[in-house]
Protein backbone atom coordinates (compact mmCIF):
# COMPACT_ATOMS: atom_id res chain seq x y z
CA UNK A 1 10.72 10.03 12.27
CA UNK A 2 11.16 6.58 10.73
CA UNK A 3 12.57 5.02 13.89
CA UNK A 4 11.20 3.80 17.16
CA UNK A 5 11.39 5.93 20.32
CA UNK A 6 14.58 5.29 22.23
CA UNK A 7 16.49 4.11 19.16
CA UNK A 8 19.60 5.91 18.06
CA UNK A 9 19.98 6.73 14.41
CA UNK A 10 22.72 4.11 14.06
CA UNK A 11 20.53 1.25 15.30
CA UNK A 12 18.73 -0.76 12.67
CA UNK A 13 15.37 -2.42 12.98
CA UNK A 14 15.06 -5.98 11.81
CA UNK A 15 13.04 -6.49 8.63
CA UNK A 16 9.54 -7.81 9.20
CA UNK A 17 6.80 -9.16 6.98
CA UNK A 18 3.24 -7.89 7.17
CA UNK A 19 0.01 -8.29 5.26
CA UNK A 20 -3.46 -6.75 5.33
CA UNK A 21 -6.68 -7.52 3.55
CA UNK A 22 -8.19 -4.44 1.90
CA UNK A 23 -11.38 -3.73 0.00
CA UNK A 24 -11.48 -1.09 -2.72
CA UNK A 25 -14.35 1.24 -1.89
CA UNK A 26 -13.64 4.06 -4.32
CA UNK A 27 -16.63 4.14 -6.69
CA UNK A 28 -14.38 4.24 -9.76
CA UNK A 29 -11.90 1.72 -8.38
CA UNK A 30 -8.19 2.40 -8.39
CA UNK A 31 -8.10 4.18 -11.75
CA UNK A 32 -5.10 6.19 -13.05
CA UNK A 33 -5.08 9.18 -10.68
CA UNK A 34 -5.55 7.34 -7.35
CA UNK A 35 -3.33 4.51 -8.60
CA UNK A 36 -0.55 7.04 -9.25
CA UNK A 37 -0.94 8.45 -5.73
CA UNK A 38 -0.90 4.92 -4.29
CA UNK A 39 2.31 4.05 -6.18
CA UNK A 40 3.96 7.32 -5.17
CA UNK A 41 3.15 6.64 -1.51
CA UNK A 42 4.35 3.01 -1.78
CA UNK A 43 7.65 4.27 -3.20
CA UNK A 44 8.16 6.47 -0.13
CA UNK A 45 8.83 3.39 2.04
CA UNK A 46 11.97 1.29 2.27
CA UNK A 47 10.08 -2.02 2.34
CA UNK A 48 9.17 -4.08 -0.70
CA UNK A 49 5.39 -3.84 -1.14
CA UNK A 50 3.02 -5.93 -3.24
CA UNK A 51 -0.68 -6.18 -3.97
CA UNK A 52 -2.00 -9.74 -4.28
CA UNK A 53 -5.29 -10.23 -6.11
CA UNK A 54 -6.78 -13.41 -7.52
CA UNK A 55 -3.56 -15.30 -6.80
CA UNK A 56 -1.38 -12.86 -8.75
CA UNK A 57 1.24 -10.60 -7.19
CA UNK A 58 1.70 -7.02 -8.40
CA UNK A 59 4.40 -4.56 -7.37
CA UNK A 60 2.87 -1.67 -5.41
CA UNK A 61 5.68 0.55 -6.69
CA UNK A 62 4.76 0.07 -10.36
CA UNK A 63 1.89 2.05 -11.85
CA UNK A 64 1.61 -0.45 -14.71
CA UNK A 65 1.31 -3.35 -12.25
CA UNK A 66 -1.31 -1.57 -10.13
CA UNK A 67 -3.42 -0.77 -13.19
CA UNK A 68 -3.04 -4.38 -14.42
CA UNK A 69 -4.40 -5.62 -11.07
CA UNK A 70 -7.88 -4.32 -12.03
CA UNK A 71 -8.69 -3.00 -8.57
CA UNK A 72 -12.33 -2.13 -9.25
CA UNK A 73 -14.84 -0.96 -6.67
CA UNK A 74 -15.66 -3.84 -4.33
CA UNK A 75 -12.51 -5.78 -5.19
CA UNK A 76 -10.56 -7.31 -2.33
CA UNK A 77 -6.81 -7.69 -2.31
CA UNK A 78 -3.99 -8.35 0.10
CA UNK A 79 -1.27 -5.80 0.72
CA UNK A 80 2.04 -7.48 1.55
CA UNK A 81 5.26 -5.84 2.66
CA UNK A 82 8.67 -6.95 3.80
CA UNK A 83 11.23 -4.62 5.31
CA UNK A 84 12.05 -2.40 8.24
CA UNK A 85 8.94 -0.23 7.81
CA UNK A 86 6.51 -2.88 6.55
CA UNK A 87 3.83 -2.33 9.21
CA UNK A 88 3.92 1.46 8.81
CA UNK A 89 3.77 1.13 5.02
CA UNK A 90 0.66 -1.05 5.05
CA UNK A 91 -1.08 1.09 7.65
CA UNK A 92 -0.44 4.22 5.59
CA UNK A 93 -1.51 2.63 2.30
CA UNK A 94 -4.69 1.25 3.86
CA UNK A 95 -5.55 4.76 5.13
CA UNK A 96 -4.84 6.19 1.68
CA UNK A 97 -7.28 3.74 0.07
CA UNK A 98 -9.95 4.82 2.59
CA UNK A 99 -9.26 8.49 1.76
CA UNK A 100 -10.02 7.81 -1.91
CA UNK A 101 -13.50 6.61 -0.88
CA UNK A 102 -14.09 9.59 1.41
CA UNK A 103 -13.14 12.06 -1.34
CA UNK A 104 -15.54 10.35 -3.75
CA UNK A 105 -18.40 10.81 -1.28
CA UNK A 106 -17.60 14.40 -0.33
């Protein structure tokens, strides 16, 4: 896990940059509990990850930053990552944001 098929453990992937537009669909927005889960998940990746909203950049690995971003329901933001697992990180975080919405409507 964490490497491409056919790669040996000693091979290194080149860092890449990735970004994705996301919309917050959780009825209560990204309040403390889901924000904490988001930050914990972001910290599980090796890449540097940010949330960009209204022209400001917030660290996805900082709970204070994520709460300061005011990610209310309906808000749009850009997830940005740079590192060896940038694509995987953004895909996983985007899925996590969708899960928050699904749990609200369950």
